[in-house]
């Protein structure tokens, strides 16, 4: 019985040493060729100005530094909040995310913010700003 326990203990200890050495080698190899990422971002600005008078957009800067704008619908129409417009915006944003995913980009982070305009205590609208940050492994030359 004692010999069996000793044999199992020695085998387990030997396995841990081999795994430790293998793990160290894998780490050393990955340090020789570190992963380098490239990043891409787009932003959405969605207006909450009553009466549908605001401007809502998807904003992207292309590789050449040119601004690309895609119109979105405003949250409000003349009769109040427009849920159809919100659903339309959701589809456009998800389509953009899916397009990036198909090109190998991973959605890394989403950051939101809002801005409210006020006129002597009366809210006259504002906007929602959302930034979508993506990354993918940068191709090696």
Protein backbone atom coordinates (compact mmCIF):
# COMPACT_ATOMS: atom_id res chain seq x y z
CA UNK A 1 0.00 0.00 0.00
CA UNK A 2 2.81 2.42 0.94
CA UNK A 3 4.67 1.56 -2.29
CA UNK A 4 1.56 2.35 -4.30
CA UNK A 5 1.19 5.75 -2.63
CA UNK A 6 4.87 6.49 -3.22
CA UNK A 7 4.59 5.50 -6.88
CA UNK A 8 1.49 7.68 -7.42
CA UNK A 9 3.15 10.60 -5.62
CA UNK A 10 6.32 10.33 -7.72
CA UNK A 11 4.27 10.07 -10.94
CA UNK A 12 2.15 13.11 -10.01
CA UNK A 13 5.23 15.14 -9.06
CA UNK A 14 6.96 14.18 -12.33
CA UNK A 15 3.87 15.17 -14.32
CA UNK A 16 3.79 18.58 -12.60
CA UNK A 17 7.45 19.18 -13.44
CA UNK A 18 6.91 18.25 -17.11
CA UNK A 19 3.82 20.49 -17.33
CA UNK A 20 5.71 23.35 -15.68
CA UNK A 21 8.57 23.09 -18.16
CA UNK A 22 6.15 22.87 -21.09
CA UNK A 23 4.22 25.92 -19.89
CA UNK A 24 7.44 27.90 -19.50
CA UNK A 25 8.54 27.01 -23.02
CA UNK A 26 5.18 28.04 -24.51
CA UNK A 27 5.41 31.39 -22.73
CA UNK A 28 8.96 31.96 -23.93
CA UNK A 29 8.00 31.16 -27.53
CA UNK A 30 5.07 33.60 -27.48
CA UNK A 31 7.34 36.36 -26.18
CA UNK A 32 9.52 35.94 -29.27
CA UNK A 33 6.49 36.71 -31.47
CA UNK A 34 4.15 38.88 -29.41
CA UNK A 35 0.63 39.44 -30.69
CA UNK A 36 0.19 42.93 -32.10
CA UNK A 37 -3.32 44.32 -32.46
CA UNK A 38 -4.76 47.02 -34.67
CA UNK A 39 -7.81 48.97 -33.54
CA UNK A 40 -10.86 50.47 -35.20
CA UNK A 41 -13.67 52.56 -33.79
CA UNK A 42 -17.01 53.94 -34.81
CA UNK A 43 -19.31 56.24 -32.88
CA UNK A 44 -23.05 56.76 -32.86
CA UNK A 45 -24.68 60.03 -31.98
CA UNK A 46 -28.41 59.73 -31.42
CA UNK A 47 -30.45 62.89 -30.99
CA UNK A 48 -33.18 63.26 -28.38
CA UNK A 49 -34.27 66.73 -29.46
CA UNK A 50 -38.09 66.98 -29.42
CA UNK A 51 -39.89 67.33 -32.74
CA UNK A 52 -37.35 65.27 -34.68
CA UNK A 53 -35.16 68.32 -35.31
CA UNK A 54 -31.88 66.70 -34.23
CA UNK A 55 -29.22 64.95 -36.28
CA UNK A 56 -28.33 61.31 -35.60
CA UNK A 57 -25.36 59.61 -37.25
CA UNK A 58 -22.91 56.72 -37.31
CA UNK A 59 -19.43 58.26 -37.62
CA UNK A 60 -16.38 56.35 -38.83
CA UNK A 61 -12.94 57.48 -39.93
CA UNK A 62 -11.53 55.40 -42.76
CA UNK A 63 -7.88 54.36 -43.15
CA UNK A 64 -7.15 57.57 -45.07
CA UNK A 65 -8.50 59.79 -42.28
CA UNK A 66 -11.71 60.72 -44.08
CA UNK A 67 -14.93 60.99 -42.06
CA UNK A 68 -17.70 58.66 -43.18
CA UNK A 69 -21.22 59.46 -41.99
CA UNK A 70 -24.32 57.27 -42.09
CA UNK A 71 -27.65 58.82 -41.17
CA UNK A 72 -29.64 57.39 -38.29
CA UNK A 73 -33.20 58.23 -37.34
CA UNK A 74 -33.91 60.62 -34.47
CA UNK A 75 -35.41 59.24 -31.28
CA UNK A 76 -38.26 61.75 -31.44
CA UNK A 77 -40.68 62.63 -34.21
CA UNK A 78 -43.23 65.43 -34.14
CA UNK A 79 -45.59 63.32 -31.98
CA UNK A 80 -43.04 62.06 -29.41
CA UNK A 81 -40.67 59.16 -28.99
CA UNK A 82 -40.57 56.98 -32.09
CA UNK A 83 -39.88 53.34 -31.28
CA UNK A 84 -39.72 52.46 -34.99
CA UNK A 85 -36.80 54.87 -35.37
CA UNK A 86 -35.03 53.29 -32.40
CA UNK A 87 -35.49 49.81 -33.92
CA UNK A 88 -34.15 51.12 -37.25
CA UNK A 89 -31.06 52.52 -35.51
CA UNK A 90 -30.51 49.24 -33.66
CA UNK A 91 -30.54 47.34 -36.98
CA UNK A 92 -28.07 49.78 -38.57
CA UNK A 93 -25.67 49.58 -35.61
CA UNK A 94 -25.82 45.77 -35.41
CA UNK A 95 -25.28 45.56 -39.18
CA UNK A 96 -22.13 47.67 -38.78
CA UNK A 97 -20.89 45.47 -35.90
CA UNK A 98 -21.59 42.29 -37.90
CA UNK A 99 -19.72 43.71 -40.91
CA UNK A 100 -16.66 44.38 -38.76
CA UNK A 101 -16.91 40.88 -37.24
CA UNK A 102 -17.00 39.34 -40.72
CA UNK A 103 -13.78 41.25 -41.50
CA UNK A 104 -12.09 39.71 -38.45
CA UNK A 105 -12.62 42.54 -35.95
CA UNK A 106 -13.50 41.68 -32.34
CA UNK A 107 -15.76 44.05 -30.39
CA UNK A 108 -13.51 44.97 -27.49
CA UNK A 109 -15.29 47.77 -25.63
CA UNK A 110 -18.43 49.90 -25.74
CA UNK A 111 -18.46 53.27 -24.00
CA UNK A 112 -21.57 55.41 -23.63
CA UNK A 113 -22.30 58.96 -22.63
CA UNK A 114 -25.06 61.51 -22.82
CA UNK A 115 -25.32 65.24 -23.06
CA UNK A 116 -28.37 67.22 -22.04
CA UNK A 117 -29.07 70.75 -23.15
CA UNK A 118 -30.94 72.99 -20.75
CA UNK A 119 -32.60 76.33 -21.15
CA UNK A 120 -33.06 77.95 -17.73
CA UNK A 121 -34.06 74.68 -16.09
CA UNK A 122 -36.14 73.37 -18.98
CA UNK A 123 -34.63 70.45 -20.86
CA UNK A 124 -34.68 71.10 -24.59
CA UNK A 125 -33.10 67.84 -25.68
CA UNK A 126 -29.72 66.26 -25.88
CA UNK A 127 -27.90 63.32 -27.36
CA UNK A 128 -26.56 59.85 -26.65
CA UNK A 129 -23.02 59.12 -27.74
CA UNK A 130 -21.74 55.54 -27.98
CA UNK A 131 -18.24 54.50 -29.03
CA UNK A 132 -17.58 50.97 -30.27
CA UNK A 133 -13.93 49.90 -30.17
CA UNK A 134 -12.75 46.86 -32.12
CA UNK A 135 -9.45 45.05 -32.44
CA UNK A 136 -7.94 42.29 -34.53
CA UNK A 137 -4.55 40.69 -34.79
CA UNK A 138 -2.42 42.83 -37.06
CA UNK A 139 -1.18 40.90 -40.09
CA UNK A 140 2.56 40.35 -40.12
CA UNK A 141 4.48 41.73 -43.12
